[in-house]
Amino acid sequence: RVWPKFGYDGPLSDAHRNQILRGTRNAKL
């Protein structure tokens, strides 16, 4: 949560994207 606020970036895996989809139900995110 902290490092992205400072500009760090990293690739989102399929697992990350699936977790975001399950948690938000927002396919765009």
PDB file of all heavy atoms in Angstrom:
ATOM      1  N   ARG A   1       0.822  -1.216   0.000  1.00  0.00           N
ATOM      2  CA  ARG A   1       0.000   0.000   0.000  1.00  0.00           C
ATOM      3  C   ARG A   1       0.853   1.262   0.000  1.00  0.00           C
ATOM      4  O   ARG A   1       0.446   2.286  -0.538  1.00  0.00           O
ATOM      5  CB  ARG A   1      -0.897   0.042   1.243  1.00  0.00           C
ATOM      6  CG  ARG A   1      -1.989  -0.954   1.255  1.00  0.00           C
ATOM      7  CD  ARG A   1      -2.968  -0.740   2.400  1.00  0.00           C
ATOM      8  NE  ARG A   1      -2.363  -0.247   3.628  1.00  0.00           N
ATOM      9  CZ  ARG A   1      -2.481  -0.834   4.818  1.00  0.00           C
ATOM     10  NH1 ARG A   1      -3.183  -1.942   4.947  1.00  0.00           N
ATOM     11  NH2 ARG A   1      -1.908  -0.327   5.873  1.00  0.00           N
ATOM     12  N   VAL A   2       2.012   1.207   0.632  1.00  0.00           N
ATOM     13  CA  VAL A   2       2.833   2.399   0.822  1.00  0.00           C
ATOM     14  C   VAL A   2       3.674   2.745  -0.409  1.00  0.00           C
ATOM     15  O   VAL A   2       3.670   3.882  -0.880  1.00  0.00           O
ATOM     16  CB  VAL A   2       3.751   2.234   2.057  1.00  0.00           C
ATOM     17  CG1 VAL A   2       4.714   3.401   2.181  1.00  0.00           C
ATOM     18  CG2 VAL A   2       2.909   2.083   3.309  1.00  0.00           C
ATOM     19  N   TRP A   3       4.419   1.784  -0.937  1.00  0.00           N
ATOM     20  CA  TRP A   3       5.365   2.075  -2.015  1.00  0.00           C
ATOM     21  C   TRP A   3       4.723   2.694  -3.250  1.00  0.00           C
ATOM     22  O   TRP A   3       5.303   3.611  -3.840  1.00  0.00           O
ATOM     23  CB  TRP A   3       6.189   0.834  -2.356  1.00  0.00           C
ATOM     24  CG  TRP A   3       7.086   0.421  -1.235  1.00  0.00           C
ATOM     25  CD1 TRP A   3       6.998  -0.713  -0.492  1.00  0.00           C
ATOM     26  CD2 TRP A   3       8.188   1.154  -0.685  1.00  0.00           C
ATOM     27  NE1 TRP A   3       7.972  -0.733   0.484  1.00  0.00           N
ATOM     28  CE2 TRP A   3       8.723   0.404   0.380  1.00  0.00           C
ATOM     29  CE3 TRP A   3       8.768   2.377  -0.991  1.00  0.00           C
ATOM     30  CZ2 TRP A   3       9.804   0.839   1.124  1.00  0.00           C
ATOM     31  CZ3 TRP A   3       9.860   2.808  -0.238  1.00  0.00           C
ATOM     32  CH2 TRP A   3      10.365   2.042   0.802  1.00  0.00           C
ATOM     33  N   PRO A   4       3.520   2.277  -3.669  1.00  0.00           N
ATOM     34  CA  PRO A   4       2.915   2.920  -4.850  1.00  0.00           C
ATOM     35  C   PRO A   4       2.644   4.414  -4.648  1.00  0.00           C
ATOM     36  O   PRO A   4       2.689   5.188  -5.604  1.00  0.00           O
ATOM     37  CB  PRO A   4       1.608   2.158  -5.061  1.00  0.00           C
ATOM     38  CG  PRO A   4       1.821   0.844  -4.421  1.00  0.00           C
ATOM     39  CD  PRO A   4       2.716   1.119  -3.248  1.00  0.00           C
ATOM     40  N   LYS A   5       2.382   4.828  -3.422  1.00  0.00           N
ATOM     41  CA  LYS A   5       2.143   6.245  -3.153  1.00  0.00           C
ATOM     42  C   LYS A   5       3.368   7.081  -3.497  1.00  0.00           C
ATOM     43  O   LYS A   5       3.255   8.254  -3.832  1.00  0.00           O
ATOM     44  CB  LYS A   5       1.774   6.455  -1.684  1.00  0.00           C
ATOM     45  CG  LYS A   5       0.453   5.850  -1.298  1.00  0.00           C
ATOM     46  CD  LYS A   5       0.209   6.003   0.189  1.00  0.00           C
ATOM     47  CE  LYS A   5      -1.045   5.268   0.597  1.00  0.00           C
ATOM     48  NZ  LYS A   5      -1.273   5.332   2.053  1.00  0.00           N
ATOM     49  N   PHE A   6       4.544   6.474  -3.399  1.00  0.00           N
ATOM     50  CA  PHE A   6       5.805   7.167  -3.677  1.00  0.00           C
ATOM     51  C   PHE A   6       6.226   7.058  -5.136  1.00  0.00           C
ATOM     52  O   PHE A   6       7.269   7.571  -5.517  1.00  0.00           O
ATOM     53  CB  PHE A   6       6.933   6.612  -2.803  1.00  0.00           C
ATOM     54  CG  PHE A   6       6.667   6.678  -1.327  1.00  0.00           C
ATOM     55  CD1 PHE A   6       7.169   5.708  -0.496  1.00  0.00           C
ATOM     56  CD2 PHE A   6       5.920   7.698  -0.759  1.00  0.00           C
ATOM     57  CE1 PHE A   6       6.945   5.751   0.881  1.00  0.00           C
ATOM     58  CE2 PHE A   6       5.688   7.753   0.607  1.00  0.00           C
ATOM     59  CZ  PHE A   6       6.205   6.779   1.433  1.00  0.00           C
ATOM     60  N   GLY A   7       5.458   6.333  -5.947  1.00  0.00           N
ATOM     61  CA  GLY A   7       5.775   6.210  -7.366  1.00  0.00           C
ATOM     62  C   GLY A   7       6.270   4.851  -7.793  1.00  0.00           C
ATOM     63  O   GLY A   7       6.524   4.618  -8.974  1.00  0.00           O
ATOM     64  N   TYR A   8       6.430   3.928  -6.857  1.00  0.00           N
ATOM     65  CA  TYR A   8       6.849   2.575  -7.226  1.00  0.00           C
ATOM     66  C   TYR A   8       5.737   1.921  -8.038  1.00  0.00           C
ATOM     67  O   TYR A   8       4.555   2.177  -7.818  1.00  0.00           O
ATOM     68  CB  TYR A   8       7.117   1.733  -5.982  1.00  0.00           C
ATOM     69  CG  TYR A   8       8.480   1.958  -5.372  1.00  0.00           C
ATOM     70  CD1 TYR A   8       8.748   3.112  -4.654  1.00  0.00           C
ATOM     71  CD2 TYR A   8       9.493   1.015  -5.513  1.00  0.00           C
ATOM     72  CE1 TYR A   8       9.987   3.325  -4.081  1.00  0.00           C
ATOM     73  CE2 TYR A   8      10.733   1.208  -4.941  1.00  0.00           C
ATOM     74  CZ  TYR A   8      10.982   2.369  -4.234  1.00  0.00           C
ATOM     75  OH  TYR A   8      12.213   2.582  -3.675  1.00  0.00           O
ATOM     76  N   ASP A   9       6.135   1.063  -8.965  1.00  0.00           N
ATOM     77  CA  ASP A   9       5.166   0.378  -9.813  1.00  0.00           C
ATOM     78  C   ASP A   9       5.573  -1.077  -9.961  1.00  0.00           C
ATOM     79  O   ASP A   9       6.748  -1.426  -9.822  1.00  0.00           O
ATOM     80  CB  ASP A   9       5.111   1.042 -11.190  1.00  0.00           C
ATOM     81  CG  ASP A   9       3.857   0.721 -11.971  1.00  0.00           C
ATOM     82  OD1 ASP A   9       2.930   0.095 -11.414  1.00  0.00           O
ATOM     83  OD2 ASP A   9       3.789   1.108 -13.152  1.00  0.00           O
ATOM     84  N   GLY A  10       4.590  -1.889 -10.239  1.00  0.00           N
ATOM     85  CA  GLY A  10       4.845  -3.304 -10.461  1.00  0.00           C
ATOM     86  C   GLY A  10       3.722  -3.906 -11.272  1.00  0.00           C
ATOM     87  O   GLY A  10       2.600  -3.392 -11.285  1.00  0.00           O
ATOM     88  N   PRO A  11       4.019  -4.997 -11.968  1.00  0.00           N
ATOM     89  CA  PRO A  11       3.003  -5.641 -12.793  1.00  0.00           C
ATOM     90  C   PRO A  11       1.986  -6.390 -11.936  1.00  0.00           C
ATOM     91  O   PRO A  11       2.341  -7.049 -10.963  1.00  0.00           O
ATOM     92  CB  PRO A  11       3.810  -6.622 -13.646  1.00  0.00           C
ATOM     93  CG  PRO A  11       5.014  -6.942 -12.812  1.00  0.00           C
ATOM     94  CD  PRO A  11       5.313  -5.686 -12.036  1.00  0.00           C
ATOM     95  N   LEU A  12       0.721  -6.256 -12.301  1.00  0.00           N
ATOM     96  CA  LEU A  12      -0.332  -6.996 -11.610  1.00  0.00           C
ATOM     97  C   LEU A  12      -0.461  -8.366 -12.249  1.00  0.00           C
ATOM     98  O   LEU A  12      -0.611  -8.485 -13.462  1.00  0.00           O
ATOM     99  CB  LEU A  12      -1.661  -6.249 -11.707  1.00  0.00           C
ATOM    100  CG  LEU A  12      -1.711  -4.907 -10.997  1.00  0.00           C
ATOM    101  CD1 LEU A  12      -3.037  -4.206 -11.264  1.00  0.00           C
ATOM    102  CD2 LEU A  12      -1.495  -5.085  -9.507  1.00  0.00           C
ATOM    103  N   SER A  13      -0.413  -9.392 -11.433  1.00  0.00           N
ATOM    104  CA  SER A  13      -0.572 -10.761 -11.919  1.00  0.00           C
ATOM    105  C   SER A  13      -2.055 -11.039 -12.163  1.00  0.00           C
ATOM    106  O   SER A  13      -2.932 -10.282 -11.732  1.00  0.00           O
ATOM    107  CB  SER A  13      -0.026 -11.750 -10.890  1.00  0.00           C
ATOM    108  OG  SER A  13      -0.836 -11.721  -9.723  1.00  0.00           O
ATOM    109  N   ASP A  14      -2.331 -12.141 -12.812  1.00  0.00           N
ATOM    110  CA  ASP A  14      -3.722 -12.567 -12.983  1.00  0.00           C
ATOM    111  C   ASP A  14      -4.385 -12.750 -11.624  1.00  0.00           C
ATOM    112  O   ASP A  14      -5.550 -12.406 -11.446  1.00  0.00           O
ATOM    113  CB  ASP A  14      -3.794 -13.872 -13.789  1.00  0.00           C
ATOM    114  CG  ASP A  14      -3.451 -13.680 -15.254  1.00  0.00           C
ATOM    115  OD1 ASP A  14      -3.496 -12.524 -15.736  1.00  0.00           O
ATOM    116  OD2 ASP A  14      -3.134 -14.682 -15.921  1.00  0.00           O
ATOM    117  N   ALA A  15      -3.633 -13.277 -10.663  1.00  0.00           N
ATOM    118  CA  ALA A  15      -4.184 -13.475  -9.315  1.00  0.00           C
ATOM    119  C   ALA A  15      -4.571 -12.142  -8.682  1.00  0.00           C
ATOM    120  O   ALA A  15      -5.625 -12.036  -8.043  1.00  0.00           O
ATOM    121  CB  ALA A  15      -3.181 -14.212  -8.431  1.00  0.00           C
ATOM    122  N   HIS A  16      -3.720 -11.107  -8.861  1.00  0.00           N
ATOM    123  CA  HIS A  16      -4.054  -9.782  -8.331  1.00  0.00           C
ATOM    124  C   HIS A  16      -5.323  -9.252  -8.988  1.00  0.00           C
ATOM    125  O   HIS A  16      -6.228  -8.751  -8.310  1.00  0.00           O
ATOM    126  CB  HIS A  16      -2.918  -8.782  -8.580  1.00  0.00           C
ATOM    127  CG  HIS A  16      -1.743  -8.960  -7.708  1.00  0.00           C
ATOM    128  ND1 HIS A  16      -0.500  -9.247  -8.201  1.00  0.00           N
ATOM    129  CD2 HIS A  16      -1.597  -8.886  -6.363  1.00  0.00           C
ATOM    130  CE1 HIS A  16       0.362  -9.342  -7.210  1.00  0.00           C
ATOM    131  NE2 HIS A  16      -0.286  -9.140  -6.079  1.00  0.00           N
ATOM    132  N   ARG A  17      -5.382  -9.349 -10.316  1.00  0.00           N
ATOM    133  CA  ARG A  17      -6.553  -8.835 -11.033  1.00  0.00           C
ATOM    134  C   ARG A  17      -7.820  -9.588 -10.634  1.00  0.00           C
ATOM    135  O   ARG A  17      -8.884  -8.995 -10.467  1.00  0.00           O
ATOM    136  CB  ARG A  17      -6.316  -8.877 -12.537  1.00  0.00           C
ATOM    137  CG  ARG A  17      -5.334  -7.785 -12.997  1.00  0.00           C
ATOM    138  CD  ARG A  17      -5.305  -7.633 -14.504  1.00  0.00           C
ATOM    139  NE  ARG A  17      -4.737  -8.789 -15.165  1.00  0.00           N
ATOM    140  CZ  ARG A  17      -3.437  -9.006 -15.323  1.00  0.00           C
ATOM    141  NH1 ARG A  17      -2.561  -8.139 -14.840  1.00  0.00           N
ATOM    142  NH2 ARG A  17      -3.002 -10.074 -15.952  1.00  0.00           N
ATOM    143  N   ASN A  18      -7.723 -10.902 -10.458  1.00  0.00           N
ATOM    144  CA  ASN A  18      -8.887 -11.685 -10.030  1.00  0.00           C
ATOM    145  C   ASN A  18      -9.340 -11.289  -8.628  1.00  0.00           C
ATOM    146  O   ASN A  18     -10.539 -11.218  -8.356  1.00  0.00           O
ATOM    147  CB  ASN A  18      -8.582 -13.189 -10.090  1.00  0.00           C
ATOM    148  CG  ASN A  18      -8.504 -13.700 -11.502  1.00  0.00           C
ATOM    149  OD1 ASN A  18      -9.092 -13.136 -12.420  1.00  0.00           O
ATOM    150  ND2 ASN A  18      -7.753 -14.771 -11.700  1.00  0.00           N
ATOM    151  N   GLN A  19      -8.388 -11.033  -7.745  1.00  0.00           N
ATOM    152  CA  GLN A  19      -8.724 -10.608  -6.386  1.00  0.00           C
ATOM    153  C   GLN A  19      -9.428  -9.253  -6.407  1.00  0.00           C
ATOM    154  O   GLN A  19     -10.411  -9.043  -5.693  1.00  0.00           O
ATOM    155  CB  GLN A  19      -7.467 -10.533  -5.508  1.00  0.00           C
ATOM    156  CG  GLN A  19      -7.735 -10.156  -4.074  1.00  0.00           C
ATOM    157  CD  GLN A  19      -8.550 -11.196  -3.321  1.00  0.00           C
ATOM    158  OE1 GLN A  19      -8.543 -12.383  -3.635  1.00  0.00           O
ATOM    159  NE2 GLN A  19      -9.290 -10.739  -2.340  1.00  0.00           N
ATOM    160  N   ILE A  20      -8.943  -8.341  -7.229  1.00  0.00           N
ATOM    161  CA  ILE A  20      -9.581  -7.025  -7.350  1.00  0.00           C
ATOM    162  C   ILE A  20     -10.990  -7.178  -7.920  1.00  0.00           C
ATOM    163  O   ILE A  20     -11.943  -6.561  -7.428  1.00  0.00           O
ATOM    164  CB  ILE A  20      -8.716  -6.083  -8.216  1.00  0.00           C
ATOM    165  CG1 ILE A  20      -7.442  -5.710  -7.435  1.00  0.00           C
ATOM    166  CG2 ILE A  20      -9.498  -4.837  -8.634  1.00  0.00           C
ATOM    167  CD1 ILE A  20      -6.356  -5.101  -8.270  1.00  0.00           C
ATOM    168  N   LEU A  21     -11.147  -8.024  -8.921  1.00  0.00           N
ATOM    169  CA  LEU A  21     -12.463  -8.256  -9.512  1.00  0.00           C
ATOM    170  C   LEU A  21     -13.427  -8.862  -8.488  1.00  0.00           C
ATOM    171  O   LEU A  21     -14.569  -8.413  -8.352  1.00  0.00           O
ATOM    172  CB  LEU A  21     -12.349  -9.155 -10.741  1.00  0.00           C
ATOM    173  CG  LEU A  21     -13.651  -9.457 -11.476  1.00  0.00           C
ATOM    174  CD1 LEU A  21     -14.335  -8.174 -11.943  1.00  0.00           C
ATOM    175  CD2 LEU A  21     -13.389 -10.380 -12.655  1.00  0.00           C
ATOM    176  N   ARG A  22     -12.954  -9.871  -7.748  1.00  0.00           N
ATOM    177  CA  ARG A  22     -13.808 -10.488  -6.716  1.00  0.00           C
ATOM    178  C   ARG A  22     -14.190  -9.471  -5.645  1.00  0.00           C
ATOM    179  O   ARG A  22     -15.320  -9.458  -5.170  1.00  0.00           O
ATOM    180  CB  ARG A  22     -13.105 -11.680  -6.064  1.00  0.00           C
ATOM    181  CG  ARG A  22     -13.172 -12.955  -6.866  1.00  0.00           C
ATOM    182  CD  ARG A  22     -12.720 -14.161  -6.057  1.00  0.00           C
ATOM    183  NE  ARG A  22     -11.382 -14.059  -5.518  1.00  0.00           N
ATOM    184  CZ  ARG A  22     -10.261 -14.385  -6.178  1.00  0.00           C
ATOM    185  NH1 ARG A  22     -10.320 -14.845  -7.408  1.00  0.00           N
ATOM    186  NH2 ARG A  22      -9.090 -14.279  -5.603  1.00  0.00           N
ATOM    187  N   GLY A  23     -13.241  -8.634  -5.265  1.00  0.00           N
ATOM    188  CA  GLY A  23     -13.496  -7.685  -4.188  1.00  0.00           C
ATOM    189  C   GLY A  23     -14.317  -6.482  -4.585  1.00  0.00           C
ATOM    190  O   GLY A  23     -15.039  -5.920  -3.763  1.00  0.00           O
ATOM    191  N   THR A  24     -14.218  -6.072  -5.846  1.00  0.00           N
ATOM    192  CA  THR A  24     -14.890  -4.841  -6.267  1.00  0.00           C
ATOM    193  C   THR A  24     -16.030  -5.067  -7.251  1.00  0.00           C
ATOM    194  O   THR A  24     -16.860  -4.185  -7.420  1.00  0.00           O
ATOM    195  CB  THR A  24     -13.902  -3.885  -6.946  1.00  0.00           C
ATOM    196  OG1 THR A  24     -13.441  -4.470  -8.174  1.00  0.00           O
ATOM    197  CG2 THR A  24     -12.734  -3.535  -6.047  1.00  0.00           C
ATOM    198  N   ARG A  25     -16.010  -6.203  -7.926  1.00  0.00           N
ATOM    199  CA  ARG A  25     -16.974  -6.481  -8.997  1.00  0.00           C
ATOM    200  C   ARG A  25     -16.879  -5.436 -10.111  1.00  0.00           C
ATOM    201  O   ARG A  25     -17.833  -5.167 -10.816  1.00  0.00           O
ATOM    202  CB  ARG A  25     -18.400  -6.548  -8.471  1.00  0.00           C
ATOM    203  CG  ARG A  25     -18.593  -7.516  -7.344  1.00  0.00           C
ATOM    204  CD  ARG A  25     -19.410  -8.707  -7.782  1.00  0.00           C
ATOM    205  NE  ARG A  25     -19.749  -9.560  -6.647  1.00  0.00           N
ATOM    206  CZ  ARG A  25     -19.186 -10.732  -6.467  1.00  0.00           C
ATOM    207  NH1 ARG A  25     -18.291 -11.183  -7.303  1.00  0.00           N
ATOM    208  NH2 ARG A  25     -19.526 -11.473  -5.442  1.00  0.00           N
ATOM    209  N   ASN A  26     -15.705  -4.822 -10.245  1.00  0.00           N
ATOM    210  CA  ASN A  26     -15.476  -3.795 -11.252  1.00  0.00           C
ATOM    211  C   ASN A  26     -14.505  -4.332 -12.297  1.00  0.00           C
ATOM    212  O   ASN A  26     -13.290  -4.349 -12.086  1.00  0.00           O
ATOM    213  CB  ASN A  26     -14.917  -2.529 -10.595  1.00  0.00           C
ATOM    214  CG  ASN A  26     -14.776  -1.372 -11.556  1.00  0.00           C
ATOM    215  OD1 ASN A  26     -14.541  -1.554 -12.740  1.00  0.00           O
ATOM    216  ND2 ASN A  26     -14.887  -0.166 -11.022  1.00  0.00           N
ATOM    217  N   ALA A  27     -15.045  -4.771 -13.424  1.00  0.00           N
ATOM    218  CA  ALA A  27     -14.225  -5.380 -14.474  1.00  0.00           C
ATOM    219  C   ALA A  27     -13.223  -4.392 -15.057  1.00  0.00           C
ATOM    220  O   ALA A  27     -12.142  -4.784 -15.485  1.00  0.00           O
ATOM    221  CB  ALA A  27     -15.120  -5.936 -15.579  1.00  0.00           C
ATOM    222  N   LYS A  28     -13.554  -3.115 -15.045  1.00  0.00           N
ATOM    223  CA  LYS A  28     -12.644  -2.100 -15.579  1.00  0.00           C
ATOM    224  C   LYS A  28     -11.351  -2.047 -14.763  1.00  0.00           C
ATOM    225  O   LYS A  28     -10.257  -2.002 -15.309  1.00  0.00           O
ATOM    226  CB  LYS A  28     -13.333  -0.746 -15.592  1.00  0.00           C
ATOM    227  CG  LYS A  28     -12.659   0.303 -16.412  1.00  0.00           C
ATOM    228  CD  LYS A  28     -13.519   1.556 -16.457  1.00  0.00           C
ATOM    229  CE  LYS A  28     -13.143   2.370 -17.669  1.00  0.00           C
ATOM    230  NZ  LYS A  28     -13.968   3.565 -17.790  1.00  0.00           N
ATOM    231  N   LEU A  29     -11.489  -2.062 -13.433  1.00  0.00           N
ATOM    232  CA  LEU A  29     -10.304  -2.037 -12.569  1.00  0.00           C
ATOM    233  C   LEU A  29      -9.466  -3.298 -12.766  1.00  0.00           C
ATOM    234  O   LEU A  29      -8.233  -3.241 -12.722  1.00  0.00           O
ATOM    235  CB  LEU A  29     -10.706  -1.909 -11.097  1.00  0.00           C
ATOM    236  CG  LEU A  29     -11.337  -0.593 -10.665  1.00  0.00           C
ATOM    237  CD1 LEU A  29     -11.722  -0.655  -9.190  1.00  0.00           C
ATOM    238  CD2 LEU A  29     -10.417   0.584 -10.934  1.00  0.00           C
TER     239      LEU A  29
END
